[in-house]
Amino acid sequence: MRKLLAENVIIIGIVSIVTYFIYIWILNYTQSTVLHNQILLAYILNTLLAIGIMLSMFLLKKRFKDQLGFIFMLGSFIKFGCFFIFFYPMFNSDGNVTRNEFFSFFIPYAICLVSETVTTIRILNKLDAK
């Protein structure tokens, strides 16, 4: 089970790194305003939170097996809380949150959510198999 956990952590990390470079390339190719600092921070924060949520679910899988869905939703709530604490003040400093600013957080959020969901499903399927 620890091997599966390590594989899933690596998968989330690799997906985040690859999609970060693809996203930056697309922004440069389309000559969009590139928010390198915010995008990098968004990827790092979302990746670490996704790994942390998955690890929490892994550690709590036996004790709170029936509540794992709520723990997963709490993780999404925490991610949105981080958005409003760390990113929203930067984005809204001029009184307007642009589309690029919104997507600089939402795209890493969505990518990490999908990879976190897939890896969590793999762990839960292993639990049910036992």
Protein backbone atom coordinates (compact mmCIF):
# COMPACT_ATOMS: atom_id res chain seq x y z
CA MET A 1 0.00 0.00 0.00
CA ARG A 2 2.89 2.38 0.68
CA LYS A 3 4.19 1.71 -2.82
CA LEU A 4 0.81 2.75 -4.24
CA LEU A 5 0.86 5.88 -2.11
CA ALA A 6 4.36 6.80 -3.32
CA GLU A 7 3.32 6.17 -6.94
CA ASN A 8 0.31 8.43 -6.53
CA VAL A 9 2.37 11.24 -5.00
CA ILE A 10 4.79 10.98 -7.93
CA ILE A 11 1.90 11.00 -10.42
CA ILE A 12 0.42 14.18 -8.93
CA GLY A 13 3.86 15.83 -8.99
CA ILE A 14 4.64 14.84 -12.57
CA VAL A 15 1.21 15.87 -13.86
CA SER A 16 1.59 19.25 -12.16
CA ILE A 17 5.08 19.85 -13.56
CA VAL A 18 4.17 18.83 -17.11
CA THR A 19 0.96 20.85 -17.19
CA TYR A 20 2.75 23.89 -15.72
CA PHE A 21 5.20 23.96 -18.61
CA ILE A 22 2.41 23.34 -21.15
CA TYR A 23 0.38 26.18 -19.65
CA ILE A 24 3.32 28.59 -19.69
CA TRP A 25 4.11 27.59 -23.28
CA ILE A 26 0.49 28.21 -24.34
CA LEU A 27 0.48 31.61 -22.64
CA ASN A 28 3.75 32.58 -24.33
CA TYR A 29 2.56 31.24 -27.70
CA THR A 30 -0.68 33.21 -27.53
CA GLN A 31 1.24 36.24 -26.26
CA SER A 32 -1.07 36.48 -23.27
CA THR A 33 -0.06 38.29 -20.15
CA VAL A 34 2.03 35.75 -18.32
CA LEU A 35 1.71 35.85 -14.56
CA HIS A 36 4.73 33.62 -13.88
CA ASN A 37 4.89 34.23 -10.14
CA GLN A 38 1.21 33.66 -9.50
CA ILE A 39 1.01 30.65 -11.80
CA LEU A 40 4.06 29.03 -10.22
CA LEU A 41 2.71 29.73 -6.73
CA ALA A 42 -0.70 28.37 -7.74
CA TYR A 43 0.83 25.14 -9.05
CA ILE A 44 3.03 24.67 -6.01
CA LEU A 45 0.22 25.40 -3.56
CA ASN A 46 -2.34 23.23 -5.35
CA THR A 47 0.11 20.36 -5.78
CA LEU A 48 1.14 20.41 -2.13
CA LEU A 49 -2.48 20.62 -1.00
CA ALA A 50 -3.51 17.78 -3.33
CA ILE A 51 -0.71 15.58 -1.98
CA GLY A 52 -1.55 16.60 1.59
CA ILE A 53 -5.24 15.80 1.13
CA MET A 54 -4.45 12.46 -0.46
CA LEU A 55 -2.01 11.62 2.36
CA SER A 56 -4.60 12.64 4.94
CA MET A 57 -7.16 10.38 3.36
CA PHE A 58 -4.63 7.58 3.26
CA LEU A 59 -3.78 8.02 6.95
CA LEU A 60 -7.43 8.28 7.97
CA LYS A 61 -8.75 5.54 5.68
CA LYS A 62 -9.33 2.95 8.40
CA ARG A 63 -10.50 5.24 11.16
CA PHE A 64 -12.88 7.32 9.02
CA LYS A 65 -13.62 5.02 6.09
CA ASP A 66 -17.23 6.16 5.81
CA GLN A 67 -16.32 9.86 6.00
CA LEU A 68 -13.55 9.95 3.37
CA GLY A 69 -15.82 11.76 0.93
CA PHE A 70 -16.30 14.56 3.44
CA ILE A 71 -12.55 14.74 4.03
CA PHE A 72 -12.09 15.05 0.27
CA MET A 73 -14.65 17.89 0.11
CA LEU A 74 -12.98 19.58 3.09
CA GLY A 75 -9.77 19.53 1.07
CA SER A 76 -11.47 21.40 -1.78
CA PHE A 77 -12.82 23.91 0.74
CA ILE A 78 -9.29 24.41 2.07
CA LYS A 79 -8.00 24.98 -1.48
CA PHE A 80 -10.61 27.66 -2.10
CA GLY A 81 -9.76 29.20 1.26
CA CYS A 82 -6.13 29.41 0.14
CA PHE A 83 -7.30 31.11 -3.05
CA PHE A 84 -9.11 33.81 -1.09
CA ILE A 85 -6.24 34.22 1.38
CA PHE A 86 -3.23 34.17 -0.96
CA PHE A 87 -4.40 34.96 -4.49
CA TYR A 88 -7.57 37.04 -4.40
CA PRO A 89 -5.94 40.04 -2.68
CA MET A 90 -3.19 40.08 -5.37
CA PHE A 91 -5.65 39.65 -8.21
CA ASN A 92 -8.13 42.18 -6.88
CA SER A 93 -5.52 44.84 -6.00
CA ASP A 94 -6.62 46.92 -8.99
CA GLY A 95 -10.32 46.34 -8.23
CA ASN A 96 -10.75 43.88 -11.09
CA VAL A 97 -9.99 40.16 -11.36
CA THR A 98 -9.14 39.51 -15.00
CA ARG A 99 -9.77 36.31 -16.87
CA ASN A 100 -6.03 35.52 -16.99
CA GLU A 101 -5.74 36.05 -13.23
CA PHE A 102 -8.70 33.76 -12.56
CA PHE A 103 -7.38 31.04 -14.86
CA SER A 104 -3.89 31.30 -13.37
CA PHE A 105 -5.40 29.77 -10.21
CA PHE A 106 -8.29 27.73 -11.61
CA ILE A 107 -6.32 25.72 -14.17
CA PRO A 108 -3.79 24.42 -11.59
CA TYR A 109 -6.71 23.83 -9.19
CA ALA A 110 -8.63 21.79 -11.77
CA ILE A 111 -5.58 19.80 -12.88
CA CYS A 112 -4.61 18.95 -9.30
CA LEU A 113 -8.23 18.12 -8.47
CA VAL A 114 -8.44 15.66 -11.35
CA SER A 115 -5.12 13.98 -10.53
CA GLU A 116 -5.98 13.95 -6.82
CA THR A 117 -9.36 12.36 -7.61
CA VAL A 118 -7.85 9.70 -9.86
CA THR A 119 -5.16 8.78 -7.35
CA THR A 120 -7.65 8.74 -4.47
CA ILE A 121 -9.92 6.41 -6.45
CA ARG A 122 -6.96 4.08 -6.95
CA ILE A 123 -6.29 4.00 -3.20
CA LEU A 124 -9.98 3.49 -2.35
CA ASN A 125 -10.28 0.67 -4.88
CA LYS A 126 -7.34 -1.07 -3.19
CA LEU A 127 -9.13 -0.65 0.15
CA ASP A 128 -12.29 -2.26 -1.22
CA ALA A 129 -10.30 -5.12 -2.72
CA LYS A 130 -9.00 -6.09 0.72
